[in-house]
Amino acid sequence: MKIIGLYGALNWDVWEDISNPCTTSSTPYIHDSSCSYFEDGRHIRSISEERLSRIKHDGNFPFKSIDYCLGEVSKEEVDIVSYVPCGVKSQGKFLIDEENKKFLKSIFPNAQIWYVRHHIAHAASSVFTSPFNDGSFFTLDGAGSSLWDFADLSEKFNENTTTGFFDKSKNISRFYDFPSDAGVNTFGDYYSIFSHFIYTQKTGVDLTKADKPEGKVMGLSAYGSFDPTIEPPYTKSTEASKQLFNIDRYEFGYPVVNFFDYLLVDIYLNNTKNLSAEDKACYIQRHFEDALCWFLEELKNNGYLNENVCFAGGCFLNILANSKIKNIFSNVHIPPYTEDSGLSLGAALWAAYKMKETIEMPQNIALLGKSYDDYVVEEENSKYYEDFDDLCEVVANALEQDKIVGWFQGRSEHGPRALGSRSLLMSPKNKSNKDIMNSRVKHREYWRPFAGIMLEEHVGEYFEPGDKTPYMLHSQTSITDKIPAIDHGDRTCRIQTVNEELNPRICKLLRKLEVPVLLNTSFNDNGEPIIETPEDAIASFKKMDIDYLVIGNYLLWN
């Protein structure tokens, strides 16, 4: 059976709808569209439309991604289209109608059209990529769709907190949507809205030109100081007198974090507390972590979550919060495409599960795109190495001399992080390399951290707690002065650990280095998507100030 998972705006242009009142930045309300393709339960390919359209956070219908994922398979051969419904142009509601169904049928004439809820797709993207046979799940973002069925779509809009249980051999069940109206449990909105205020204060950049500042503000928080005397911008309670929708086994009600109880605009915009942008960033981050950890502990203590938890949703791009969450549960899984780029994968996985297919994911669940192993480099300043080990020796020597290396290997990553396939690499041993990478190549705000990539077996020598983090979704604390270029202002680092099983080629390079750690950042300039193809890599190499480029067994130089 051939199954396509899809997410993206149907038959309208998100970039023409930028005035949508739901939109708070230059990123459209519908963003990060994508496609995933399965055959007989086996994952074939997944990709975000932005990688091919070259438009950051592109939310339009993923025409290019469909062709990319299907390859030689015709659209007429597709059996099921599993689609995650999107917002309708200029409206903050969801719509499933015959017009949209006809649009999908015009592309896939012989396919059944399935609709999969936003948060069901998020949950599936985590559950079916996790190593757990059974457990619980929790999804959290700015907003999705709501409720298990499709009744009353225009009224039930703000689904952003959903939980339930799964047993892969039996069933996924008990979806609960926690109330999220009027500031209740709106974690994503809280962080997103006030990140814009903080970022604008720091940079002077107009809100309409900002590019998703949540991650930037998370990085800025390390430069601020936390004042515990400032009252939290929320209240916490357990509403014991109320029951959740469709619950018959719990009587105590549900936990509530009520944001916007306080005049936050006075704190963030009018600055009545005289806080710097750095202090505000620290303030919003610490209170986001505190509120989220309390919420999850309440759910765990009252039976909504167990010790195996699969998380998904845009809120789990917050790496600092993730690092505290994992201390609450015995086993935590967050997929590398936890934001909306993972929805198409979740939709396809959900359909495969419902059709009782045996699901097969790649061993490295981050590398879901194409590989270009047969690509031939014909550039003048290039050399092919028969022995990859010899090439790594040359590249390692260049890195030890503080050169910047573009690294293009194997299947591309699905999700927003460069995880050793489409990366820019530099030695972490020289503190100034962070600023060199920023000024020469990335052109980002000075306070934003650079990630690290290192051999898994050495992580305890450089970081506490020394955990394996193969998908760069947690931070750890540096315990050495040997890698200052990836040491953030608070001594943390968003580290990726690699091993021979999941990342054989980057491991070979790391073993050539004196210190088995590299500064690792995505292969793109500021405001651009990560590169996808060898042609993208060469074009970027020629316009960016990079010393070397490695594509497969080829070495290129400027």
Protein backbone atom coordinates (compact mmCIF):
# COMPACT_ATOMS: atom_id res chain seq x y z
CA MET A 1 0.00 0.00 0.00
CA LYS A 2 1.28 3.47 -0.96
CA ILE A 3 0.54 6.19 1.60
CA ILE A 4 1.31 9.90 1.32
CA GLY A 5 1.22 12.17 4.40
CA LEU A 6 0.71 15.87 3.65
CA TYR A 7 0.64 19.19 5.46
CA GLY A 8 0.30 22.59 3.77
CA ALA A 9 -2.22 25.23 2.72
CA LEU A 10 -4.82 23.96 0.24
CA ASN A 11 -5.28 26.01 -2.89
CA TRP A 12 -4.22 29.40 -1.51
CA ASP A 13 -0.95 31.28 -1.03
CA VAL A 14 0.10 31.76 2.60
CA TRP A 15 2.42 34.63 1.65
CA GLU A 16 -0.53 36.65 0.33
CA ASP A 17 -2.27 36.15 3.67
CA ILE A 18 0.44 37.69 5.84
CA SER A 19 -2.03 40.26 7.22
CA ASN A 20 -3.99 37.44 8.83
CA PRO A 21 -4.75 38.59 12.41
CA CYS A 22 -3.53 35.18 13.61
CA THR A 23 -0.06 36.07 12.32
CA THR A 24 2.37 37.85 14.66
CA SER A 25 5.48 37.87 12.45
CA SER A 26 6.58 37.52 8.85
CA THR A 27 6.04 33.76 9.22
CA PRO A 28 2.58 32.82 7.91
CA TYR A 29 0.02 31.22 10.18
CA ILE A 30 0.42 28.01 8.17
CA HIS A 31 4.12 27.20 8.05
CA ASP A 32 6.60 24.35 7.56
CA SER A 33 4.55 22.33 5.07
CA SER A 34 5.91 18.90 4.20
CA CYS A 35 5.37 15.50 2.62
CA SER A 36 6.11 11.92 3.71
CA TYR A 37 5.80 8.73 1.68
CA PHE A 38 5.44 5.09 2.81
CA GLU A 39 5.23 1.85 0.83
CA ASP A 40 3.80 -1.21 2.59
CA GLY A 41 4.59 0.35 5.96
CA ARG A 42 8.19 1.17 5.06
CA HIS A 43 9.30 4.79 5.18
CA ILE A 44 10.69 5.97 1.84
CA ARG A 45 11.24 9.75 2.12
CA SER A 46 10.19 12.87 4.03
CA ILE A 47 11.01 16.51 3.33
CA SER A 48 9.89 20.03 4.20
CA GLU A 49 8.77 22.15 1.27
CA GLU A 50 11.19 24.93 2.26
CA ARG A 51 14.18 22.73 1.36
CA LEU A 52 13.00 22.68 -2.25
CA SER A 53 11.20 26.02 -2.64
CA ARG A 54 14.09 27.75 -0.81
CA ILE A 55 11.53 29.87 1.11
CA LYS A 56 12.08 29.68 4.86
CA HIS A 57 9.10 28.19 6.75
CA ASP A 58 7.15 27.81 3.51
CA GLY A 59 3.59 26.76 4.37
CA ASN A 60 2.17 26.42 0.87
CA PHE A 61 0.90 23.15 -0.50
CA PRO A 62 3.96 20.89 -0.90
CA PHE A 63 3.88 20.25 -4.66
CA LYS A 64 7.67 20.01 -4.90
CA SER A 65 7.87 17.72 -1.87
CA ILE A 66 5.30 15.35 -3.35
CA ASP A 67 7.37 14.87 -6.51
CA TYR A 68 10.54 14.52 -4.44
CA CYS A 69 9.06 11.84 -2.19
CA LEU A 70 7.32 9.82 -4.89
CA GLY A 71 10.28 9.74 -7.26
CA GLU A 72 9.34 7.36 -10.09
CA VAL A 73 6.00 6.44 -8.50
CA SER A 74 3.05 8.09 -10.22
CA LYS A 75 0.40 10.01 -8.30
CA GLU A 76 -2.21 7.65 -9.76
CA GLU A 77 -0.60 4.79 -7.81
CA VAL A 78 -1.11 6.39 -4.39
CA ASP A 79 -3.69 4.51 -2.29
CA ILE A 80 -4.16 6.86 0.68
CA VAL A 81 -3.58 10.59 1.10
CA SER A 82 -3.42 11.33 4.83
CA TYR A 83 -3.81 15.10 5.14
CA VAL A 84 -3.54 17.36 8.20
CA PRO A 85 -6.11 20.16 7.75
CA CYS A 86 -4.88 23.74 7.74
CA GLY A 87 -6.33 27.13 8.45
CA VAL A 88 -8.44 28.75 5.74
CA LYS A 89 -7.21 31.98 4.17
CA SER A 90 -7.75 35.02 6.43
CA GLN A 91 -9.72 32.98 8.97
CA GLY A 92 -8.75 31.52 12.30
CA LYS A 93 -10.75 28.34 11.85
CA PHE A 94 -10.52 24.96 10.15
CA LEU A 95 -12.49 23.74 7.20
CA ILE A 96 -12.95 20.36 5.59
CA ASP A 97 -15.26 20.55 2.60
CA GLU A 98 -15.89 19.04 -0.82
CA GLU A 99 -13.86 21.75 -2.58
CA ASN A 100 -10.73 20.80 -0.66
CA LYS A 101 -11.37 17.11 -1.19
CA LYS A 102 -11.73 17.71 -4.93
CA PHE A 103 -8.42 19.59 -4.93
CA LEU A 104 -6.64 16.58 -3.39
CA LYS A 105 -8.46 14.14 -5.66
CA SER A 106 -7.38 16.14 -8.71
CA ILE A 107 -3.77 15.37 -7.76
CA PHE A 108 -4.28 11.81 -6.48
CA PRO A 109 -7.30 10.57 -8.49
CA ASN A 110 -7.31 7.00 -7.19
CA ALA A 111 -6.54 7.65 -3.54
CA GLN A 112 -8.73 7.60 -0.47
CA ILE A 113 -8.59 11.02 1.24
CA TRP A 114 -8.07 10.84 5.00
CA TYR A 115 -8.08 13.81 7.38
CA VAL A 116 -5.89 13.55 10.47
CA ARG A 117 -6.06 16.01 13.35
CA HIS A 118 -3.11 18.28 13.94
CA HIS A 119 -2.33 16.86 17.36
CA ILE A 120 -2.99 13.26 16.40
CA ALA A 121 -0.36 13.73 13.69
CA HIS A 122 2.03 15.31 16.21
CA ALA A 123 1.47 12.41 18.59
CA ALA A 124 1.97 9.77 15.89
CA SER A 125 5.23 11.39 14.74
CA SER A 126 6.60 10.79 18.23
CA VAL A 127 4.93 7.51 19.22
CA PHE A 128 5.94 5.60 16.09
CA THR A 129 9.51 6.89 16.05
CA SER A 130 10.04 6.07 19.72
CA PRO A 131 11.65 2.88 21.07
CA PHE A 132 8.73 2.35 23.48
CA ASN A 133 6.21 -0.44 22.92
CA ASP A 134 3.74 1.29 25.22
CA GLY A 135 3.49 4.50 27.16
CA SER A 136 1.86 7.92 27.06
CA PHE A 137 2.11 10.98 24.86
CA PHE A 138 1.80 14.72 25.30
CA THR A 139 1.55 17.37 22.57
CA LEU A 140 1.93 21.11 23.04
CA ASP A 141 2.19 24.01 20.59
CA GLY A 142 0.71 27.38 19.73
CA ALA A 143 -2.51 25.97 18.26
CA GLY A 144 -3.73 23.11 16.17
CA SER A 145 -7.18 21.71 15.60
CA SER A 146 -9.32 20.29 18.34
CA LEU A 147 -11.10 17.21 19.62
CA TRP A 148 -11.03 13.62 18.45
CA ASP A 149 -13.86 13.83 15.90
CA PHE A 150 -14.58 16.43 13.23
CA ALA A 151 -17.79 17.83 14.68
CA ASP A 152 -18.34 21.57 14.97
CA LEU A 153 -15.01 22.53 13.42
CA SER A 154 -15.66 26.25 13.33
CA GLU A 155 -16.14 26.40 17.09
CA LYS A 156 -13.48 23.98 18.36
CA PHE A 157 -10.26 25.61 17.29
CA ASN A 158 -7.64 25.96 20.01
CA GLU A 159 -6.20 22.52 20.51
CA ASN A 160 -2.70 22.96 21.88
CA THR A 161 -2.48 20.53 24.79
CA THR A 162 -3.37 16.89 24.17
CA THR A 163 -2.46 13.70 26.00
CA GLY A 164 -3.21 9.99 25.82
CA PHE A 165 -1.85 6.44 26.06
CA PHE A 166 -0.61 3.91 23.54
CA ASP A 167 0.21 0.25 23.20
CA LYS A 168 1.62 -0.35 19.72
CA SER A 169 0.46 -3.97 19.69
CA LYS A 170 -3.11 -3.00 20.58
CA ASN A 171 -4.27 0.57 20.29
CA ILE A 172 -3.60 4.28 20.67
CA SER A 173 -6.38 5.67 22.79
CA ARG A 174 -7.75 8.22 25.20
CA PHE A 175 -7.01 11.52 23.50
CA TYR A 176 -7.70 14.38 25.90
CA ASP A 177 -7.78 18.01 24.82
CA PHE A 178 -7.14 20.26 27.77
CA PRO A 179 -9.07 23.53 27.78
CA SER A 180 -6.98 26.33 26.32
CA ASP A 181 -9.22 29.36 25.96
CA ALA A 182 -8.67 32.85 27.38
CA GLY A 183 -5.05 32.28 28.32
CA VAL A 184 -5.54 28.88 30.00
CA ASN A 185 -2.71 26.43 29.20
CA THR A 186 -1.55 28.56 26.26
CA PHE A 187 2.17 27.88 26.73
CA GLY A 188 3.05 28.37 23.08
CA ASP A 189 1.19 31.67 22.74
CA TYR A 190 2.76 33.01 25.91
CA TYR A 191 6.31 32.34 24.76
CA SER A 192 5.69 33.35 21.15
CA ILE A 193 3.87 36.63 21.70
CA PHE A 194 6.23 38.05 24.27
CA SER A 195 9.33 36.82 22.47
CA HIS A 196 8.38 39.30 19.76
CA PHE A 197 8.32 42.14 22.29
CA ILE A 198 11.67 41.11 23.74
CA TYR A 199 13.34 40.64 20.38
CA THR A 200 12.09 44.01 19.16
CA GLN A 201 13.41 45.75 22.27
CA LYS A 202 16.81 44.13 21.80
CA THR A 203 17.22 44.63 18.06
CA GLY A 204 14.88 47.43 17.05
CA VAL A 205 13.62 45.15 14.27
CA ASP A 206 9.97 45.73 13.42
CA LEU A 207 7.74 42.84 14.44
CA THR A 208 6.46 42.33 10.91
CA LYS A 209 10.02 41.61 9.76
CA ALA A 210 11.01 39.27 12.57
CA ASP A 211 11.65 35.63 11.74
CA LYS A 212 10.32 33.37 14.49
CA PRO A 213 12.19 34.95 17.40
CA GLU A 214 11.30 32.29 19.99
CA GLY A 215 14.57 30.40 19.53
CA LYS A 216 16.55 33.62 19.46
CA VAL A 217 15.05 34.75 22.76
CA MET A 218 15.81 31.34 24.28
CA GLY A 219 19.47 31.94 23.38
CA LEU A 220 19.34 35.50 24.74
CA SER A 221 18.07 34.23 28.11
CA ALA A 222 21.59 33.04 29.01
CA TYR A 223 22.77 36.66 29.04
CA GLY A 224 20.16 37.87 31.52
CA SER A 225 19.69 37.56 35.26
CA PHE A 226 16.58 36.20 36.93
CA ASP A 227 14.83 38.25 39.57
CA PRO A 228 12.79 35.83 41.74
CA THR A 229 10.92 38.71 43.36
CA ILE A 230 9.07 39.47 40.13
CA GLU A 231 5.74 37.71 40.25
CA PRO A 232 5.21 34.87 37.73
CA PRO A 233 3.00 35.85 34.77
CA TYR A 234 0.53 33.07 35.46
CA THR A 235 -1.45 31.27 38.14
CA LYS A 236 -1.40 27.51 38.72
CA SER A 237 -4.30 25.45 39.98
CA THR A 238 -6.04 22.09 39.70
CA GLU A 239 -9.69 22.50 38.87
CA ALA A 240 -10.97 19.53 40.85
CA SER A 241 -14.61 20.34 40.25
CA LYS A 242 -14.36 19.95 36.48
CA GLN A 243 -13.86 16.97 34.24
CA LEU A 244 -12.13 16.75 30.90
CA PHE A 245 -13.97 16.04 27.72
CA ASN A 246 -14.88 12.33 27.41
CA ILE A 247 -13.27 11.17 30.66
CA ASP A 248 -14.86 8.56 32.83
CA ARG A 249 -12.01 7.24 34.97
CA TYR A 250 -10.62 10.43 36.57
CA GLU A 251 -12.46 12.62 39.04
CA PHE A 252 -9.96 15.23 40.14
CA GLY A 253 -10.23 17.45 37.07
CA TYR A 254 -7.23 18.87 35.26
CA PRO A 255 -4.24 21.14 35.88
CA VAL A 256 -4.49 24.75 34.78
CA VAL A 257 -1.82 27.32 34.04
CA ASN A 258 -3.65 30.58 33.47
CA PHE A 259 -1.40 32.91 31.50
CA PHE A 260 -2.29 36.57 30.97
CA ASP A 261 -3.71 36.97 34.46
CA TYR A 262 -1.21 39.80 34.87
CA LEU A 263 -0.58 42.91 32.82
CA LEU A 264 2.24 41.35 30.84
CA VAL A 265 2.28 44.17 28.35
CA ASP A 266 3.40 46.45 31.17
CA ILE A 267 6.32 44.15 31.93
CA TYR A 268 7.38 43.29 28.40
CA LEU A 269 6.30 46.24 26.27
CA ASN A 270 5.98 49.22 28.59
CA ASN A 271 8.82 47.92 30.76
CA THR A 272 7.40 48.98 34.10
CA LYS A 273 10.00 46.79 35.85
CA ASN A 274 12.92 48.42 34.00
CA LEU A 275 14.21 45.08 32.77
CA SER A 276 16.74 44.76 29.99
CA ALA A 277 15.88 42.59 27.00
CA GLU A 278 18.33 40.02 28.36
CA ASP A 279 16.61 39.97 31.75
CA LYS A 280 13.18 39.68 30.13
CA ALA A 281 14.41 36.76 28.06
CA CYS A 282 15.70 35.06 31.21
CA TYR A 283 12.41 35.83 32.96
CA ILE A 284 10.18 34.39 30.22
CA GLN A 285 12.37 31.29 29.84
CA ARG A 286 12.54 30.47 33.55
CA HIS A 287 8.83 30.89 34.09
CA PHE A 288 7.99 28.89 30.95
CA GLU A 289 10.12 26.04 32.30
CA ASP A 290 8.61 26.30 35.79
CA ALA A 291 5.01 26.33 34.56
CA LEU A 292 5.54 23.48 32.10
CA CYS A 293 7.33 21.26 34.62
CA TRP A 294 4.57 21.84 37.18
CA PHE A 295 1.92 21.03 34.58
CA LEU A 296 3.62 17.78 33.56
CA GLU A 297 4.22 16.72 37.15
CA GLU A 298 0.51 17.23 37.88
CA LEU A 299 -0.40 15.08 34.90
CA LYS A 300 2.03 12.37 35.94
CA ASN A 301 0.99 12.37 39.60
CA ASN A 302 -2.68 12.09 38.69
CA GLY A 303 -2.38 9.33 36.10
CA TYR A 304 -2.54 11.18 32.77
CA LEU A 305 1.10 10.38 31.92
CA ASN A 306 3.30 7.43 32.86
CA GLU A 307 7.08 6.95 32.90
CA ASN A 308 7.38 6.46 29.10
CA VAL A 309 6.39 9.73 27.43
CA CYS A 310 6.44 10.74 23.76
CA PHE A 311 6.41 14.52 23.34
CA ALA A 312 5.69 16.52 20.17
CA GLY A 313 4.70 20.04 19.14
CA GLY A 314 6.57 23.27 18.59
CA CYS A 315 7.01 23.96 22.32
CA PHE A 316 9.51 21.09 22.43
CA LEU A 317 11.97 23.02 20.30
CA ASN A 318 12.71 24.76 23.60
CA ILE A 319 15.85 22.84 24.46
CA LEU A 320 16.32 24.37 27.90
CA ALA A 321 12.83 23.29 28.93
CA ASN A 322 13.39 19.83 27.41
CA SER A 323 16.46 19.41 29.59
CA LYS A 324 14.36 19.86 32.72
CA ILE A 325 11.41 17.79 31.51
CA LYS A 326 13.54 14.69 31.06
CA ASN A 327 14.22 14.71 34.82
CA ILE A 328 10.52 14.20 35.56
CA PHE A 329 10.11 10.92 33.66
CA SER A 330 12.15 7.74 33.34
CA ASN A 331 12.05 7.69 29.54
CA VAL A 332 11.44 10.64 27.24
CA HIS A 333 11.24 10.69 23.44
CA ILE A 334 11.10 13.85 21.32
CA PRO A 335 11.39 13.47 17.53
CA PRO A 336 13.81 15.73 15.63
CA TYR A 337 10.81 17.13 13.67
CA THR A 338 8.75 17.98 16.72
CA GLU A 339 7.37 21.17 15.12
CA ASP A 340 4.97 21.30 12.17
CA SER A 341 7.42 19.84 9.64
CA GLY A 342 6.73 16.51 11.37
CA LEU A 343 2.97 16.61 10.74
CA SER A 344 3.10 14.92 7.33
CA LEU A 345 5.17 12.10 8.79
CA GLY A 346 2.75 11.72 11.68
CA ALA A 347 -0.21 11.68 9.29
CA ALA A 348 1.38 8.96 7.15
CA LEU A 349 2.34 6.93 10.21
CA TRP A 350 -1.20 7.22 11.57
CA ALA A 351 -2.65 5.93 8.30
CA ALA A 352 -0.17 3.06 8.17
CA TYR A 353 -1.03 2.17 11.76
CA LYS A 354 -4.79 2.28 11.09
CA MET A 355 -4.28 0.04 8.03
CA LYS A 356 -2.42 -2.44 10.28
CA GLU A 357 0.80 -2.13 8.29
CA THR A 358 4.10 -3.17 9.87
CA ILE A 359 5.85 0.19 10.26
CA GLU A 360 9.53 0.38 9.32
CA MET A 361 11.47 3.57 10.02
CA PRO A 362 15.16 4.12 9.19
CA GLN A 363 17.57 3.39 12.02
CA ASN A 364 18.47 7.08 12.16
CA ILE A 365 15.03 8.65 12.44
CA ALA A 366 16.40 12.14 11.64
CA LEU A 367 17.79 11.28 8.20
CA LEU A 368 14.65 10.84 6.11
CA GLY A 369 15.51 12.70 2.90
CA LYS A 370 17.41 11.66 -0.21
CA SER A 371 21.05 10.77 -0.51
CA TYR A 372 23.02 11.84 -3.57
CA ASP A 373 25.76 9.24 -3.49
CA ASP A 374 26.15 9.07 -7.26
CA TYR A 375 26.64 12.81 -7.72
CA VAL A 376 29.75 13.73 -9.73
CA VAL A 377 31.47 17.03 -8.90
CA GLU A 378 32.85 18.74 -12.00
CA GLU A 379 34.15 21.94 -10.41
CA GLU A 380 37.71 22.96 -11.30
CA ASN A 381 38.93 23.31 -7.70
CA SER A 382 37.99 19.83 -6.55
CA LYS A 383 39.53 16.44 -5.87
CA TYR A 384 38.04 12.97 -5.55
CA TYR A 385 39.42 10.67 -2.84
CA GLU A 386 39.11 6.94 -3.38
CA ASP A 387 39.67 6.39 0.32
CA PHE A 388 37.26 8.35 2.53
CA ASP A 389 39.69 7.91 5.41
CA ASP A 390 42.31 9.92 3.48
CA LEU A 391 39.78 12.66 2.83
CA CYS A 392 38.93 12.85 6.53
CA GLU A 393 42.62 13.23 7.34
CA VAL A 394 42.85 16.27 5.06
CA VAL A 395 39.63 17.79 6.41
CA ALA A 396 40.67 17.21 10.03
CA ASN A 397 43.95 19.03 9.41
CA ALA A 398 42.03 21.97 7.94
CA LEU A 399 39.70 22.07 10.93
CA GLU A 400 42.64 22.03 13.34
CA GLN A 401 43.80 25.20 11.51
CA ASP A 402 40.43 26.88 12.22
CA LYS A 403 39.12 26.54 8.67
CA ILE A 404 35.37 26.46 7.95
CA VAL A 405 34.18 23.29 6.24
CA GLY A 406 30.85 22.63 4.53
CA TRP A 407 29.86 18.99 5.08
CA PHE A 408 27.41 17.22 2.74
CA GLN A 409 26.90 13.50 3.35
CA GLY A 410 24.18 10.88 2.94
CA ARG A 411 20.47 11.40 3.47
CA SER A 412 19.28 14.89 4.37
CA GLU A 413 17.79 15.66 7.77
CA HIS A 414 14.06 16.07 8.27
CA GLY A 415 13.34 18.86 10.74
CA PRO A 416 14.96 22.20 11.59
CA ARG A 417 18.36 20.96 12.86
CA ALA A 418 21.51 20.09 10.94
CA LEU A 419 22.53 16.72 12.33
CA GLY A 420 25.75 15.93 10.52
CA SER A 421 24.46 15.60 6.95
CA ARG A 422 24.08 19.24 5.83
CA SER A 423 26.38 21.04 8.26
CA LEU A 424 29.00 23.76 8.56
CA LEU A 425 31.85 22.62 10.79
CA MET A 426 34.62 24.40 12.66
CA SER A 427 36.97 23.66 15.54
CA PRO A 428 35.46 24.46 18.97
CA LYS A 429 38.88 24.90 20.60
CA ASN A 430 39.34 28.57 19.69
CA LYS A 431 36.85 30.82 21.46
CA SER A 432 36.89 33.36 18.64
CA ASN A 433 35.68 30.76 16.14
CA LYS A 434 32.12 31.43 17.23
CA ASP A 435 32.44 35.07 16.18
CA ILE A 436 34.33 34.12 13.03
CA MET A 437 31.58 31.73 11.96
CA ASN A 438 28.98 34.37 12.72
CA SER A 439 30.64 37.28 10.93
CA ARG A 440 31.92 35.37 7.91
CA VAL A 441 29.10 32.94 7.26
CA LYS A 442 25.97 32.90 9.41
CA HIS A 443 25.37 36.64 9.99
CA ARG A 444 23.25 36.02 13.08
CA GLU A 445 22.75 37.90 16.34
CA TYR A 446 25.88 37.66 18.47
CA TRP A 447 24.13 36.04 21.43
CA ARG A 448 22.82 32.99 19.58
CA PRO A 449 24.70 29.82 20.51
CA PHE A 450 26.36 27.34 18.19
CA ALA A 451 25.74 23.66 18.67
CA GLY A 452 28.32 20.94 19.05
CA ILE A 453 28.65 17.48 17.56
CA MET A 454 30.81 14.86 19.25
CA LEU A 455 31.57 11.17 19.64
CA GLU A 456 29.04 9.58 21.95
CA GLU A 457 31.59 7.62 24.00
CA HIS A 458 33.36 10.82 25.11
CA VAL A 459 30.36 12.94 26.14
CA GLY A 460 30.94 12.40 29.88
CA GLU A 461 34.45 13.83 29.59
CA TYR A 462 33.12 17.17 28.37
CA PHE A 463 29.55 17.56 29.66
CA GLU A 464 27.24 16.93 32.59
CA PRO A 465 25.13 14.89 32.93
CA GLY A 466 26.88 13.20 30.01
CA ASP A 467 23.73 11.91 28.30
CA LYS A 468 23.42 10.56 24.79
CA THR A 469 21.54 13.15 22.72
CA PRO A 470 21.51 11.97 19.09
CA TYR A 471 19.00 14.56 17.82
CA MET A 472 20.17 17.75 19.54
CA LEU A 473 17.04 18.26 21.64
CA HIS A 474 18.59 18.80 25.08
CA SER A 475 21.33 21.00 26.49
CA GLN A 476 24.13 19.89 28.76
CA THR A 477 26.58 21.76 30.94
CA SER A 478 30.20 22.05 29.87
CA ILE A 479 32.76 20.80 32.42
CA THR A 480 35.86 21.66 30.40
CA ASP A 481 37.61 24.71 28.96
CA LYS A 482 38.73 22.83 25.85
CA ILE A 483 35.71 23.75 23.67
CA PRO A 484 34.94 27.45 24.33
CA ALA A 485 33.44 28.16 20.87
CA ILE A 486 30.36 26.05 21.71
CA ASP A 487 30.19 27.07 25.36
CA HIS A 488 27.21 29.43 25.67
CA GLY A 489 27.04 32.29 28.15
CA ASP A 490 25.60 30.00 30.82
CA ARG A 491 28.09 27.15 30.17
CA THR A 492 25.45 25.08 28.36
CA CYS A 493 25.64 23.56 24.90
CA ARG A 494 23.05 22.06 22.56
CA ILE A 495 25.14 18.99 21.87
CA GLN A 496 24.55 16.16 19.39
CA THR A 497 26.19 12.85 20.21
CA VAL A 498 27.01 10.50 17.32
CA ASN A 499 28.00 6.86 16.96
CA GLU A 500 29.11 4.49 14.20
CA GLU A 501 25.67 2.95 13.90
CA LEU A 502 23.75 6.15 13.18
CA ASN A 503 26.45 8.51 11.86
CA PRO A 504 29.42 6.52 10.45
CA ARG A 505 30.92 9.22 8.22
CA ILE A 506 31.00 12.10 10.70
CA CYS A 507 32.38 9.66 13.29
CA LYS A 508 35.32 8.89 11.01
CA LEU A 509 36.11 12.61 10.80
CA LEU A 510 35.75 13.17 14.55
CA ARG A 511 38.19 10.35 15.29
CA LYS A 512 40.88 12.24 13.36
CA LEU A 513 40.70 15.24 15.71
CA GLU A 514 42.68 15.95 18.86
CA VAL A 515 39.40 16.76 20.63
CA PRO A 516 36.50 14.64 19.25
CA VAL A 517 34.12 17.61 19.16
CA LEU A 518 33.20 20.11 16.44
CA LEU A 519 31.20 23.30 16.24
CA ASN A 520 28.22 22.28 14.12
CA THR A 521 25.73 24.64 12.54
CA SER A 522 23.27 24.28 9.69
CA PHE A 523 24.52 24.70 6.12
CA ASN A 524 22.67 27.90 5.24
CA ASP A 525 22.93 31.64 5.61
CA ASN A 526 20.74 33.53 8.06
CA GLY A 527 17.10 33.51 6.95
CA GLU A 528 17.58 30.71 4.41
CA PRO A 529 16.49 27.06 4.61
CA ILE A 530 19.13 24.37 5.09
CA ILE A 531 20.52 23.20 1.75
CA GLU A 532 19.17 19.99 0.25
CA THR A 533 21.01 19.08 -2.98
CA PRO A 534 24.67 19.04 -4.08
CA GLU A 535 23.81 21.91 -6.39
CA ASP A 536 22.53 23.88 -3.36
CA ALA A 537 25.77 23.08 -1.54
CA ILE A 538 28.02 24.25 -4.39
CA ALA A 539 25.98 27.42 -4.99
CA SER A 540 26.09 28.29 -1.29
CA PHE A 541 29.81 27.45 -1.12
CA LYS A 542 30.54 29.91 -3.92
CA LYS A 543 28.64 32.80 -2.35
CA MET A 544 29.50 32.14 1.31
CA ASP A 545 32.92 32.67 2.88
CA ILE A 546 33.68 28.97 3.44
CA ASP A 547 37.16 27.48 3.07
CA TYR A 548 36.31 23.92 2.02
CA LEU A 549 33.32 21.87 0.95
CA VAL A 550 33.04 18.10 1.25
CA ILE A 551 30.43 16.31 -0.91
CA GLY A 552 30.66 12.56 -0.54
CA ASN A 553 34.29 11.73 -1.36
CA TYR A 554 34.92 15.07 -3.09
CA LEU A 555 36.82 17.98 -1.58
CA LEU A 556 36.25 21.46 -3.02
CA TRP A 557 38.13 24.64 -2.18
CA ASN A 558 37.87 28.33 -3.02
